[in-house]
Amino acid sequence: RRVGPGKALQGNLDPAVLFAPTAVVEEKADEVLDAAAGLEGHVFNLGHGVLPSMDPDALTRLVEYVHTRTAR
């Protein structure tokens, strides 16, 4: 967790979470964001990329949610 000043961290969300209901996706996203709270930089992403069977709307909802949580 200690990487020193001026460094950004990348936090991953298990892509399988996107198959869950929206409330669960938001809860899991909150866990990633809360773990990164107070850091100088953080890149939110999926741990293994987008699965072929994933609903694109689920990705859109996740991106919009993360943007509302991290708006400056």
C-alpha atoms as a PDB file:
ATOM      1  CA  ARG A   1       0.000   0.000   0.000  1.00  0.00           C
ATOM      2  CA  ARG A   2       2.911   2.352   0.509  1.00  0.00           C
ATOM      3  CA  VAL A   3       4.346   3.338  -2.806  1.00  0.00           C
ATOM      4  CA  GLY A   4       5.505   6.821  -1.978  1.00  0.00           C
ATOM      5  CA  PRO A   5       4.405  10.292  -3.024  1.00  0.00           C
ATOM      6  CA  GLY A   6       3.546  11.122  -6.607  1.00  0.00           C
ATOM      7  CA  LYS A   7       2.525   7.581  -7.538  1.00  0.00           C
ATOM      8  CA  ALA A   8      -0.864   6.452  -8.826  1.00  0.00           C
ATOM      9  CA  LEU A   9      -2.368   3.063  -8.034  1.00  0.00           C
ATOM     10  CA  GLN A  10      -4.566   0.910 -10.196  1.00  0.00           C
ATOM     11  CA  GLY A  11      -7.465  -0.856  -8.512  1.00  0.00           C
ATOM     12  CA  ASN A  12      -9.292  -3.725 -10.102  1.00  0.00           C
ATOM     13  CA  LEU A  13     -12.893  -4.825 -10.043  1.00  0.00           C
ATOM     14  CA  ASP A  14     -13.570  -8.469 -10.867  1.00  0.00           C
ATOM     15  CA  PRO A  15     -15.364  -8.320 -14.243  1.00  0.00           C
ATOM     16  CA  ALA A  16     -17.720 -11.128 -13.171  1.00  0.00           C
ATOM     17  CA  VAL A  17     -19.282  -8.624 -10.761  1.00  0.00           C
ATOM     18  CA  LEU A  18     -20.891  -6.937 -13.781  1.00  0.00           C
ATOM     19  CA  PHE A  19     -23.240  -9.924 -14.127  1.00  0.00           C
ATOM     20  CA  ALA A  20     -24.717  -9.061 -10.705  1.00  0.00           C
ATOM     21  CA  PRO A  21     -27.584  -6.625 -10.066  1.00  0.00           C
ATOM     22  CA  THR A  22     -26.686  -2.933 -10.253  1.00  0.00           C
ATOM     23  CA  ALA A  23     -26.783  -2.514  -6.457  1.00  0.00           C
ATOM     24  CA  VAL A  24     -24.143  -5.223  -6.041  1.00  0.00           C
ATOM     25  CA  VAL A  25     -21.966  -3.723  -8.788  1.00  0.00           C
ATOM     26  CA  GLU A  26     -22.115  -0.343  -7.057  1.00  0.00           C
ATOM     27  CA  GLU A  27     -21.302  -1.911  -3.679  1.00  0.00           C
ATOM     28  CA  LYS A  28     -18.235  -3.653  -5.103  1.00  0.00           C
ATOM     29  CA  ALA A  29     -17.161  -0.485  -6.920  1.00  0.00           C
ATOM     30  CA  ASP A  30     -17.479   1.378  -3.619  1.00  0.00           C
ATOM     31  CA  GLU A  31     -15.130  -1.138  -1.993  1.00  0.00           C
ATOM     32  CA  VAL A  32     -12.462  -0.426  -4.625  1.00  0.00           C
ATOM     33  CA  LEU A  33     -12.984   3.333  -4.430  1.00  0.00           C
ATOM     34  CA  ASP A  34     -13.020   3.380  -0.627  1.00  0.00           C
ATOM     35  CA  ALA A  35      -9.758   1.422  -0.518  1.00  0.00           C
ATOM     36  CA  ALA A  36      -8.201   4.107  -2.737  1.00  0.00           C
ATOM     37  CA  ALA A  37      -9.679   7.056  -0.852  1.00  0.00           C
ATOM     38  CA  GLY A  38      -7.095   9.645   0.081  1.00  0.00           C
ATOM     39  CA  LEU A  39      -4.480   8.419  -2.375  1.00  0.00           C
ATOM     40  CA  GLU A  40      -2.883  10.923  -4.732  1.00  0.00           C
ATOM     41  CA  GLY A  41      -3.969   8.974  -7.796  1.00  0.00           C
ATOM     42  CA  HIS A  42      -6.058   5.945  -8.641  1.00  0.00           C
ATOM     43  CA  VAL A  43      -7.041   4.261 -11.905  1.00  0.00           C
ATOM     44  CA  PHE A  44     -10.314   2.335 -11.653  1.00  0.00           C
ATOM     45  CA  ASN A  45     -10.590  -0.608 -14.021  1.00  0.00           C
ATOM     46  CA  LEU A  46     -11.654  -4.210 -14.476  1.00  0.00           C
ATOM     47  CA  GLY A  47      -9.233  -6.852 -13.338  1.00  0.00           C
ATOM     48  CA  HIS A  48      -9.320  -8.943 -16.513  1.00  0.00           C
ATOM     49  CA  GLY A  49     -11.103  -6.860 -19.123  1.00  0.00           C
ATOM     50  CA  VAL A  50     -14.530  -7.198 -20.678  1.00  0.00           C
ATOM     51  CA  LEU A  51     -15.994 -10.657 -21.155  1.00  0.00           C
ATOM     52  CA  PRO A  52     -17.682 -11.379 -24.509  1.00  0.00           C
ATOM     53  CA  SER A  53     -21.024 -12.179 -22.862  1.00  0.00           C
ATOM     54  CA  MET A  54     -21.072  -8.980 -20.809  1.00  0.00           C
ATOM     55  CA  ASP A  55     -23.942  -6.534 -21.259  1.00  0.00           C
ATOM     56  CA  PRO A  56     -22.493  -3.247 -22.569  1.00  0.00           C
ATOM     57  CA  ASP A  57     -25.136  -1.366 -20.569  1.00  0.00           C
ATOM     58  CA  ALA A  58     -23.677  -2.811 -17.356  1.00  0.00           C
ATOM     59  CA  LEU A  59     -20.329  -1.286 -18.305  1.00  0.00           C
ATOM     60  CA  THR A  60     -21.954   2.058 -19.041  1.00  0.00           C
ATOM     61  CA  ARG A  61     -23.721   2.052 -15.669  1.00  0.00           C
ATOM     62  CA  LEU A  62     -20.452   1.230 -13.896  1.00  0.00           C
ATOM     63  CA  VAL A  63     -18.538   4.025 -15.640  1.00  0.00           C
ATOM     64  CA  GLU A  64     -21.293   6.532 -14.879  1.00  0.00           C
ATOM     65  CA  TYR A  65     -21.405   5.426 -11.234  1.00  0.00           C
ATOM     66  CA  VAL A  66     -17.636   5.710 -10.791  1.00  0.00           C
ATOM     67  CA  HIS A  67     -17.739   9.163 -12.379  1.00  0.00           C
ATOM     68  CA  THR A  68     -20.406  10.308  -9.893  1.00  0.00           C
ATOM     69  CA  ARG A  69     -18.317   9.000  -6.998  1.00  0.00           C
ATOM     70  CA  THR A  70     -15.091  10.577  -8.218  1.00  0.00           C
ATOM     71  CA  ALA A  71     -16.294  13.876  -9.687  1.00  0.00           C
ATOM     72  CA  ARG A  72     -14.075  16.787  -8.709  1.00  0.00           C
END
